[in-house]
Amino acid sequence: MDGASSAGLYTRAQKLAAELRLPPLTCAAVGGASDGNFTAGVGTPTLDGLGAVGGGAHADDEHVLIDALPGRTALLTALIADLLAGGRAA
């Protein structure tokens, strides 16, 4: 997460996750190569990692936790709806 420009968006996502009774979101700044690096790099509020929950990225044991998909879908849907309705990300 890009500190200042993404903090408001992350806070909003945390609030929505709580409203949906989902587990608390976690935050980590890590290296890697996602498209989010480009958007965050120019100051656009960016959250990465809202997709599937799982493990073993890019390895033989890579997997998705199927039971977590409905919650992630609900969170992403709520966040998009909130932003489209004029919710503030910052």
PDB file of N, CA and C in Angstrom:
ATOM      1  N   MET A   1       0.853  -1.171   0.000  1.00  0.00           N
ATOM      2  CA  MET A   1       0.000   0.000   0.000  1.00  0.00           C
ATOM      3  C   MET A   1       0.893   1.227   0.000  1.00  0.00           C
ATOM      4  N   ASP A   2       0.597   2.186  -0.841  1.00  0.00           N
ATOM      5  CA  ASP A   2       1.334   3.445  -0.868  1.00  0.00           C
ATOM      6  C   ASP A   2       0.791   4.310   0.258  1.00  0.00           C
ATOM      7  N   GLY A   3       1.588   4.482   1.291  1.00  0.00           N
ATOM      8  CA  GLY A   3       1.231   5.205   2.501  1.00  0.00           C
ATOM      9  C   GLY A   3       0.115   6.211   2.425  1.00  0.00           C
ATOM     10  N   ALA A   4       0.456   7.461   2.186  1.00  0.00           N
ATOM     11  CA  ALA A   4      -0.501   8.557   2.300  1.00  0.00           C
ATOM     12  C   ALA A   4      -1.632   8.475   1.291  1.00  0.00           C
ATOM     13  N   SER A   5      -1.326   8.195   0.035  1.00  0.00           N
ATOM     14  CA  SER A   5      -2.379   8.238  -0.976  1.00  0.00           C
ATOM     15  C   SER A   5      -3.355   7.070  -0.860  1.00  0.00           C
ATOM     16  N   SER A   6      -2.941   5.967  -0.257  1.00  0.00           N
ATOM     17  CA  SER A   6      -3.808   4.797  -0.166  1.00  0.00           C
ATOM     18  C   SER A   6      -4.425   4.583   1.206  1.00  0.00           C
ATOM     19  N   ALA A   7      -3.996   5.336   2.193  1.00  0.00           N
ATOM     20  CA  ALA A   7      -4.455   5.121   3.564  1.00  0.00           C
ATOM     21  C   ALA A   7      -5.966   5.260   3.696  1.00  0.00           C
ATOM     22  N   GLY A   8      -6.550   6.258   3.071  1.00  0.00           N
ATOM     23  CA  GLY A   8      -7.995   6.452   3.161  1.00  0.00           C
ATOM     24  C   GLY A   8      -8.776   5.321   2.519  1.00  0.00           C
ATOM     25  N   LEU A   9      -8.289   4.838   1.398  1.00  0.00           N
ATOM     26  CA  LEU A   9      -8.946   3.720   0.716  1.00  0.00           C
ATOM     27  C   LEU A   9      -8.856   2.454   1.564  1.00  0.00           C
ATOM     28  N   TYR A  10      -7.707   2.246   2.169  1.00  0.00           N
ATOM     29  CA  TYR A  10      -7.533   1.083   3.040  1.00  0.00           C
ATOM     30  C   TYR A  10      -8.451   1.180   4.258  1.00  0.00           C
ATOM     31  N   THR A  11      -8.556   2.360   4.857  1.00  0.00           N
ATOM     32  CA  THR A  11      -9.440   2.559   6.000  1.00  0.00           C
ATOM     33  C   THR A  11     -10.885   2.258   5.622  1.00  0.00           C
ATOM     34  N   ARG A  12     -11.293   2.719   4.437  1.00  0.00           N
ATOM     35  CA  ARG A  12     -12.662   2.455   3.968  1.00  0.00           C
ATOM     36  C   ARG A  12     -12.881   0.954   3.780  1.00  0.00           C
ATOM     37  N   ALA A  13     -11.921   0.274   3.195  1.00  0.00           N
ATOM     38  CA  ALA A  13     -12.031  -1.173   2.996  1.00  0.00           C
ATOM     39  C   ALA A  13     -12.110  -1.892   4.346  1.00  0.00           C
ATOM     40  N   GLN A  14     -11.319  -1.435   5.328  1.00  0.00           N
ATOM     41  CA  GLN A  14     -11.380  -2.024   6.666  1.00  0.00           C
ATOM     42  C   GLN A  14     -12.775  -1.867   7.267  1.00  0.00           C
ATOM     43  N   LYS A  15     -13.350  -0.677   7.130  1.00  0.00           N
ATOM     44  CA  LYS A  15     -14.678  -0.413   7.684  1.00  0.00           C
ATOM     45  C   LYS A  15     -15.730  -1.305   7.020  1.00  0.00           C
ATOM     46  N   LEU A  16     -15.647  -1.407   5.706  1.00  0.00           N
ATOM     47  CA  LEU A  16     -16.605  -2.248   4.993  1.00  0.00           C
ATOM     48  C   LEU A  16     -16.444  -3.715   5.371  1.00  0.00           C
ATOM     49  N   ALA A  17     -15.209  -4.172   5.531  1.00  0.00           N
ATOM     50  CA  ALA A  17     -14.978  -5.559   5.953  1.00  0.00           C
ATOM     51  C   ALA A  17     -15.632  -5.810   7.316  1.00  0.00           C
ATOM     52  N   ALA A  18     -15.494  -4.854   8.225  1.00  0.00           N
ATOM     53  CA  ALA A  18     -16.116  -5.000   9.549  1.00  0.00           C
ATOM     54  C   ALA A  18     -17.633  -5.019   9.431  1.00  0.00           C
ATOM     55  N   GLU A  19     -18.186  -4.134   8.599  1.00  0.00           N
ATOM     56  CA  GLU A  19     -19.638  -4.101   8.404  1.00  0.00           C
ATOM     57  C   GLU A  19     -20.157  -5.416   7.827  1.00  0.00           C
ATOM     58  N   LEU A  20     -19.341  -6.053   6.994  1.00  0.00           N
ATOM     59  CA  LEU A  20     -19.720  -7.333   6.384  1.00  0.00           C
ATOM     60  C   LEU A  20     -19.384  -8.514   7.289  1.00  0.00           C
ATOM     61  N   ARG A  21     -18.844  -8.215   8.464  1.00  0.00           N
ATOM     62  CA  ARG A  21     -18.447  -9.239   9.441  1.00  0.00           C
ATOM     63  C   ARG A  21     -17.401 -10.202   8.876  1.00  0.00           C
ATOM     64  N   LEU A  22     -16.481  -9.628   8.131  1.00  0.00           N
ATOM     65  CA  LEU A  22     -15.362 -10.393   7.589  1.00  0.00           C
ATOM     66  C   LEU A  22     -14.178 -10.269   8.536  1.00  0.00           C
ATOM     67  N   PRO A  23     -13.210 -11.165   8.418  1.00  0.00           N
ATOM     68  CA  PRO A  23     -12.013 -11.025   9.250  1.00  0.00           C
ATOM     69  C   PRO A  23     -11.339  -9.682   8.986  1.00  0.00           C
ATOM     70  N   PRO A  24     -10.660  -9.130   9.993  1.00  0.00           N
ATOM     71  CA  PRO A  24      -9.970  -7.852   9.796  1.00  0.00           C
ATOM     72  C   PRO A  24      -8.956  -7.943   8.655  1.00  0.00           C
ATOM     73  N   LEU A  25      -8.848  -6.866   7.908  1.00  0.00           N
ATOM     74  CA  LEU A  25      -7.861  -6.809   6.835  1.00  0.00           C
ATOM     75  C   LEU A  25      -6.478  -6.596   7.430  1.00  0.00           C
ATOM     76  N   THR A  26      -5.483  -7.082   6.737  1.00  0.00           N
ATOM     77  CA  THR A  26      -4.109  -6.847   7.154  1.00  0.00           C
ATOM     78  C   THR A  26      -3.421  -6.003   6.090  1.00  0.00           C
ATOM     79  N   CYS A  27      -2.363  -5.368   6.476  1.00  0.00           N
ATOM     80  CA  CYS A  27      -1.645  -4.475   5.570  1.00  0.00           C
ATOM     81  C   CYS A  27      -0.183  -4.881   5.546  1.00  0.00           C
ATOM     82  N   ALA A  28       0.385  -4.911   4.356  1.00  0.00           N
ATOM     83  CA  ALA A  28       1.806  -5.202   4.213  1.00  0.00           C
ATOM     84  C   ALA A  28       2.342  -4.466   3.007  1.00  0.00           C
ATOM     85  N   ALA A  29       3.518  -3.935   3.135  1.00  0.00           N
ATOM     86  CA  ALA A  29       4.207  -3.338   1.997  1.00  0.00           C
ATOM     87  C   ALA A  29       5.308  -4.310   1.602  1.00  0.00           C
ATOM     88  N   VAL A  30       5.200  -4.849   0.405  1.00  0.00           N
ATOM     89  CA  VAL A  30       6.163  -5.860  -0.046  1.00  0.00           C
ATOM     90  C   VAL A  30       6.642  -5.530  -1.451  1.00  0.00           C
ATOM     91  N   GLY A  31       7.749  -6.086  -1.798  1.00  0.00           N
ATOM     92  CA  GLY A  31       8.246  -5.938  -3.158  1.00  0.00           C
ATOM     93  C   GLY A  31       7.471  -6.853  -4.092  1.00  0.00           C
ATOM     94  N   GLY A  32       7.594  -6.639  -5.328  1.00  0.00           N
ATOM     95  CA  GLY A  32       6.915  -7.484  -6.295  1.00  0.00           C
ATOM     96  C   GLY A  32       6.634  -6.701  -7.551  1.00  0.00           C
ATOM     97  N   ALA A  33       5.913  -7.324  -8.433  1.00  0.00           N
ATOM     98  CA  ALA A  33       5.647  -6.686  -9.723  1.00  0.00           C
ATOM     99  C   ALA A  33       4.174  -6.813 -10.066  1.00  0.00           C
ATOM    100  N   SER A  34       3.382  -5.900  -9.553  1.00  0.00           N
ATOM    101  CA  SER A  34       1.970  -5.866  -9.916  1.00  0.00           C
ATOM    102  C   SER A  34       1.679  -4.552 -10.608  1.00  0.00           C
ATOM    103  N   ASP A  35       0.564  -4.487 -11.305  1.00  0.00           N
ATOM    104  CA  ASP A  35       0.154  -3.226 -11.920  1.00  0.00           C
ATOM    105  C   ASP A  35      -0.082  -2.150 -10.872  1.00  0.00           C
ATOM    106  N   GLY A  36      -0.382  -2.567  -9.651  1.00  0.00           N
ATOM    107  CA  GLY A  36      -0.576  -1.612  -8.566  1.00  0.00           C
ATOM    108  C   GLY A  36       0.660  -0.776  -8.293  1.00  0.00           C
ATOM    109  N   ASN A  37       1.836  -1.289  -8.619  1.00  0.00           N
ATOM    110  CA  ASN A  37       3.056  -0.500  -8.439  1.00  0.00           C
ATOM    111  C   ASN A  37       3.012   0.769  -9.277  1.00  0.00           C
ATOM    112  N   PHE A  38       2.455   0.669 -10.471  1.00  0.00           N
ATOM    113  CA  PHE A  38       2.388   1.830 -11.356  1.00  0.00           C
ATOM    114  C   PHE A  38       1.391   2.864 -10.837  1.00  0.00           C
ATOM    115  N   THR A  39       0.200   2.419 -10.439  1.00  0.00           N
ATOM    116  CA  THR A  39      -0.817   3.365  -9.983  1.00  0.00           C
ATOM    117  C   THR A  39      -0.414   4.006  -8.660  1.00  0.00           C
ATOM    118  N   ALA A  40       0.081   3.205  -7.728  1.00  0.00           N
ATOM    119  CA  ALA A  40       0.518   3.752  -6.444  1.00  0.00           C
ATOM    120  C   ALA A  40       1.705   4.690  -6.630  1.00  0.00           C
ATOM    121  N   GLY A  41       2.567   4.361  -7.576  1.00  0.00           N
ATOM    122  CA  GLY A  41       3.750   5.166  -7.826  1.00  0.00           C
ATOM    123  C   GLY A  41       3.461   6.577  -8.305  1.00  0.00           C
ATOM    124  N   VAL A  42       2.286   6.785  -8.886  1.00  0.00           N
ATOM    125  CA  VAL A  42       1.916   8.131  -9.341  1.00  0.00           C
ATOM    126  C   VAL A  42       0.902   8.778  -8.399  1.00  0.00           C
ATOM    127  N   GLY A  43       0.714   8.181  -7.204  1.00  0.00           N
ATOM    128  CA  GLY A  43      -0.130   8.789  -6.188  1.00  0.00           C
ATOM    129  C   GLY A  43      -1.597   8.422  -6.231  1.00  0.00           C
ATOM    130  N   THR A  44      -1.974   7.458  -7.066  1.00  0.00           N
ATOM    131  CA  THR A  44      -3.361   7.014  -7.121  1.00  0.00           C
ATOM    132  C   THR A  44      -3.628   6.050  -5.969  1.00  0.00           C
ATOM    133  N   PRO A  45      -4.661   6.287  -5.154  1.00  0.00           N
ATOM    134  CA  PRO A  45      -4.965   5.337  -4.075  1.00  0.00           C
ATOM    135  C   PRO A  45      -5.108   3.926  -4.649  1.00  0.00           C
ATOM    136  N   THR A  46      -4.354   2.999  -4.090  1.00  0.00           N
ATOM    137  CA  THR A  46      -4.273   1.657  -4.647  1.00  0.00           C
ATOM    138  C   THR A  46      -4.278   0.616  -3.546  1.00  0.00           C
ATOM    139  N   LEU A  47      -5.119  -0.391  -3.711  1.00  0.00           N
ATOM    140  CA  LEU A  47      -5.084  -1.571  -2.851  1.00  0.00           C
ATOM    141  C   LEU A  47      -4.784  -2.759  -3.750  1.00  0.00           C
ATOM    142  N   ASP A  48      -3.861  -3.572  -3.350  1.00  0.00           N
ATOM    143  CA  ASP A  48      -3.525  -4.777  -4.087  1.00  0.00           C
ATOM    144  C   ASP A  48      -3.801  -5.955  -3.165  1.00  0.00           C
ATOM    145  N   GLY A  49      -4.145  -7.075  -3.721  1.00  0.00           N
ATOM    146  CA  GLY A  49      -4.384  -8.246  -2.889  1.00  0.00           C
ATOM    147  C   GLY A  49      -5.825  -8.412  -2.451  1.00  0.00           C
ATOM    148  N   LEU A  50      -6.760  -7.835  -3.183  1.00  0.00           N
ATOM    149  CA  LEU A  50      -8.178  -8.008  -2.845  1.00  0.00           C
ATOM    150  C   LEU A  50      -8.776  -9.239  -3.515  1.00  0.00           C
ATOM    151  N   GLY A  51      -7.960  -9.986  -4.212  1.00  0.00           N
ATOM    152  CA  GLY A  51      -8.445 -11.176  -4.911  1.00  0.00           C
ATOM    153  C   GLY A  51      -8.528 -12.372  -3.987  1.00  0.00           C
ATOM    154  N   ALA A  52      -8.325 -13.513  -4.572  1.00  0.00           N
ATOM    155  CA  ALA A  52      -8.466 -14.782  -3.851  1.00  0.00           C
ATOM    156  C   ALA A  52      -7.458 -14.900  -2.715  1.00  0.00           C
ATOM    157  N   VAL A  53      -7.892 -15.597  -1.671  1.00  0.00           N
ATOM    158  CA  VAL A  53      -7.038 -15.933  -0.537  1.00  0.00           C
ATOM    159  C   VAL A  53      -6.493 -17.330  -0.794  1.00  0.00           C
ATOM    160  N   GLY A  54      -5.234 -17.534  -0.516  1.00  0.00           N
ATOM    161  CA  GLY A  54      -4.644 -18.854  -0.724  1.00  0.00           C
ATOM    162  C   GLY A  54      -3.194 -18.855  -0.301  1.00  0.00           C
ATOM    163  N   GLY A  55      -2.419 -19.624  -1.026  1.00  0.00           N
ATOM    164  CA  GLY A  55      -1.004 -19.712  -0.677  1.00  0.00           C
ATOM    165  C   GLY A  55      -0.216 -20.364  -1.791  1.00  0.00           C
ATOM    166  N   GLY A  56       1.082 -20.439  -1.587  1.00  0.00           N
ATOM    167  CA  GLY A  56       1.967 -21.090  -2.537  1.00  0.00           C
ATOM    168  C   GLY A  56       2.079 -20.378  -3.871  1.00  0.00           C
ATOM    169  N   ALA A  57       2.048 -19.050  -3.859  1.00  0.00           N
ATOM    170  CA  ALA A  57       2.032 -18.285  -5.111  1.00  0.00           C
ATOM    171  C   ALA A  57       3.121 -18.751  -6.080  1.00  0.00           C
ATOM    172  N   HIS A  58       2.711 -19.061  -7.274  1.00  0.00           N
ATOM    173  CA  HIS A  58       3.592 -19.427  -8.377  1.00  0.00           C
ATOM    174  C   HIS A  58       4.411 -20.686  -8.103  1.00  0.00           C
ATOM    175  N   ALA A  59       3.933 -21.547  -7.222  1.00  0.00           N
ATOM    176  CA  ALA A  59       4.626 -22.787  -6.893  1.00  0.00           C
ATOM    177  C   ALA A  59       3.728 -23.981  -7.212  1.00  0.00           C
ATOM    178  N   ASP A  60       4.291 -25.163  -7.116  1.00  0.00           N
ATOM    179  CA  ASP A  60       3.517 -26.377  -7.398  1.00  0.00           C
ATOM    180  C   ASP A  60       2.328 -26.541  -6.457  1.00  0.00           C
ATOM    181  N   ASP A  61       2.437 -25.994  -5.246  1.00  0.00           N
ATOM    182  CA  ASP A  61       1.347 -26.134  -4.277  1.00  0.00           C
ATOM    183  C   ASP A  61       0.460 -24.894  -4.209  1.00  0.00           C
ATOM    184  N   GLU A  62       0.492 -24.043  -5.236  1.00  0.00           N
ATOM    185  CA  GLU A  62      -0.368 -22.854  -5.253  1.00  0.00           C
ATOM    186  C   GLU A  62      -1.823 -23.279  -5.139  1.00  0.00           C
ATOM    187  N   HIS A  63      -2.595 -22.536  -4.316  1.00  0.00           N
ATOM    188  CA  HIS A  63      -3.990 -22.902  -4.099  1.00  0.00           C
ATOM    189  C   HIS A  63      -4.828 -21.689  -3.698  1.00  0.00           C
ATOM    190  N   VAL A  64      -6.124 -21.844  -3.866  1.00  0.00           N
ATOM    191  CA  VAL A  64      -7.113 -20.837  -3.481  1.00  0.00           C
ATOM    192  C   VAL A  64      -8.018 -21.470  -2.431  1.00  0.00           C
ATOM    193  N   LEU A  65      -8.338 -20.700  -1.393  1.00  0.00           N
ATOM    194  CA  LEU A  65      -9.271 -21.161  -0.369  1.00  0.00           C
ATOM    195  C   LEU A  65     -10.688 -20.813  -0.834  1.00  0.00           C
ATOM    196  N   ILE A  66     -11.384 -21.802  -1.322  1.00  0.00           N
ATOM    197  CA  ILE A  66     -12.711 -21.617  -1.913  1.00  0.00           C
ATOM    198  C   ILE A  66     -13.673 -20.959  -0.930  1.00  0.00           C
ATOM    199  N   ASP A  67     -13.605 -21.350   0.334  1.00  0.00           N
ATOM    200  CA  ASP A  67     -14.536 -20.810   1.333  1.00  0.00           C
ATOM    201  C   ASP A  67     -14.384 -19.300   1.528  1.00  0.00           C
ATOM    202  N   ALA A  68     -13.232 -18.726   1.173  1.00  0.00           N
ATOM    203  CA  ALA A  68     -13.005 -17.292   1.356  1.00  0.00           C
ATOM    204  C   ALA A  68     -13.508 -16.465   0.170  1.00  0.00           C
ATOM    205  N   LEU A  69     -13.831 -17.093  -0.945  1.00  0.00           N
ATOM    206  CA  LEU A  69     -14.239 -16.346  -2.140  1.00  0.00           C
ATOM    207  C   LEU A  69     -15.501 -15.503  -1.956  1.00  0.00           C
ATOM    208  N   PRO A  70     -16.560 -16.004  -1.327  1.00  0.00           N
ATOM    209  CA  PRO A  70     -17.756 -15.150  -1.167  1.00  0.00           C
ATOM    210  C   PRO A  70     -17.481 -13.882  -0.361  1.00  0.00           C
ATOM    211  N   GLY A  71     -16.689 -13.966   0.686  1.00  0.00           N
ATOM    212  CA  GLY A  71     -16.375 -12.791   1.488  1.00  0.00           C
ATOM    213  C   GLY A  71     -15.553 -11.772   0.709  1.00  0.00           C
ATOM    214  N   ARG A  72     -14.564 -12.252  -0.029  1.00  0.00           N
ATOM    215  CA  ARG A  72     -13.746 -11.351  -0.842  1.00  0.00           C
ATOM    216  C   ARG A  72     -14.584 -10.688  -1.920  1.00  0.00           C
ATOM    217  N   THR A  73     -15.478 -11.447  -2.523  1.00  0.00           N
ATOM    218  CA  THR A  73     -16.355 -10.890  -3.548  1.00  0.00           C
ATOM    219  C   THR A  73     -17.269  -9.827  -2.952  1.00  0.00           C
ATOM    220  N   ALA A  74     -17.818 -10.106  -1.778  1.00  0.00           N
ATOM    221  CA  ALA A  74     -18.693  -9.141  -1.104  1.00  0.00           C
ATOM    222  C   ALA A  74     -17.932  -7.861  -0.763  1.00  0.00           C
ATOM    223  N   LEU A  75     -16.701  -7.991  -0.279  1.00  0.00           N
ATOM    224  CA  LEU A  75     -15.910  -6.811   0.074  1.00  0.00           C
ATOM    225  C   LEU A  75     -15.606  -5.965  -1.150  1.00  0.00           C
ATOM    226  N   LEU A  76     -15.159  -6.588  -2.214  1.00  0.00           N
ATOM    227  CA  LEU A  76     -14.829  -5.843  -3.423  1.00  0.00           C
ATOM    228  C   LEU A  76     -16.070  -5.170  -4.003  1.00  0.00           C
ATOM    229  N   THR A  77     -17.192  -5.875  -3.990  1.00  0.00           N
ATOM    230  CA  THR A  77     -18.454  -5.308  -4.475  1.00  0.00           C
ATOM    231  C   THR A  77     -18.864  -4.097  -3.633  1.00  0.00           C
ATOM    232  N   ALA A  78     -18.767  -4.224  -2.315  1.00  0.00           N
ATOM    233  CA  ALA A  78     -19.144  -3.124  -1.421  1.00  0.00           C
ATOM    234  C   ALA A  78     -18.214  -1.926  -1.603  1.00  0.00           C
ATOM    235  N   LEU A  79     -16.928  -2.174  -1.780  1.00  0.00           N
ATOM    236  CA  LEU A  79     -15.970  -1.082  -1.950  1.00  0.00           C
ATOM    237  C   LEU A  79     -16.221  -0.339  -3.259  1.00  0.00           C
ATOM    238  N   ILE A  80     -16.448  -1.067  -4.326  1.00  0.00           N
ATOM    239  CA  ILE A  80     -16.738  -0.427  -5.616  1.00  0.00           C
ATOM    240  C   ILE A  80     -18.040   0.363  -5.536  1.00  0.00           C
ATOM    241  N   ALA A  81     -19.070  -0.232  -4.956  1.00  0.00           N
ATOM    242  CA  ALA A  81     -20.367   0.452  -4.831  1.00  0.00           C
ATOM    243  C   ALA A  81     -20.221   1.732  -4.006  1.00  0.00           C
ATOM    244  N   ASP A  82     -19.468   1.657  -2.918  1.00  0.00           N
ATOM    245  CA  ASP A  82     -19.262   2.826  -2.062  1.00  0.00           C
ATOM    246  C   ASP A  82     -18.544   3.944  -2.817  1.00  0.00           C
ATOM    247  N   LEU A  83     -17.503   3.595  -3.536  1.00  0.00           N
ATOM    248  CA  LEU A  83     -16.762   4.606  -4.285  1.00  0.00           C
ATOM    249  C   LEU A  83     -17.605   5.206  -5.403  1.00  0.00           C
ATOM    250  N   LEU A  84     -18.398   4.392  -6.076  1.00  0.00           N
ATOM    251  CA  LEU A  84     -19.268   4.905  -7.127  1.00  0.00           C
ATOM    252  C   LEU A  84     -20.378   5.801  -6.583  1.00  0.00           C
ATOM    253  N   ALA A  85     -20.763   5.541  -5.332  1.00  0.00           N
ATOM    254  CA  ALA A  85     -21.814   6.342  -4.692  1.00  0.00           C
ATOM    255  C   ALA A  85     -21.255   7.630  -4.097  1.00  0.00           C
ATOM    256  N   GLY A  86     -19.969   7.842  -4.248  1.00  0.00           N
ATOM    257  CA  GLY A  86     -19.382   9.080  -3.757  1.00  0.00           C
ATOM    258  C   GLY A  86     -18.668   8.963  -2.441  1.00  0.00           C
ATOM    259  N   GLY A  87     -18.479   7.716  -1.944  1.00  0.00           N
ATOM    260  CA  GLY A  87     -17.717   7.540  -0.727  1.00  0.00           C
ATOM    261  C   GLY A  87     -16.310   8.038  -0.921  1.00  0.00           C
ATOM    262  N   ARG A  88     -15.733   8.581   0.112  1.00  0.00           N
ATOM    263  CA  ARG A  88     -14.378   9.149  -0.017  1.00  0.00           C
ATOM    264  C   ARG A  88     -13.327   8.102   0.286  1.00  0.00           C
ATOM    265  N   ALA A  89     -12.350   8.005  -0.591  1.00  0.00           N
ATOM    266  CA  ALA A  89     -11.239   7.077  -0.395  1.00  0.00           C
ATOM    267  C   ALA A  89     -10.117   7.713   0.395  1.00  0.00           C
ATOM    268  N   ALA A  90     -10.164   8.990   0.594  1.00  0.00           N
ATOM    269  CA  ALA A  90      -9.071   9.649   1.315  1.00  0.00           C
ATOM    270  C   ALA A  90      -9.605  10.459   2.480  1.00  0.00           C
TER     271      ALA A  90
END
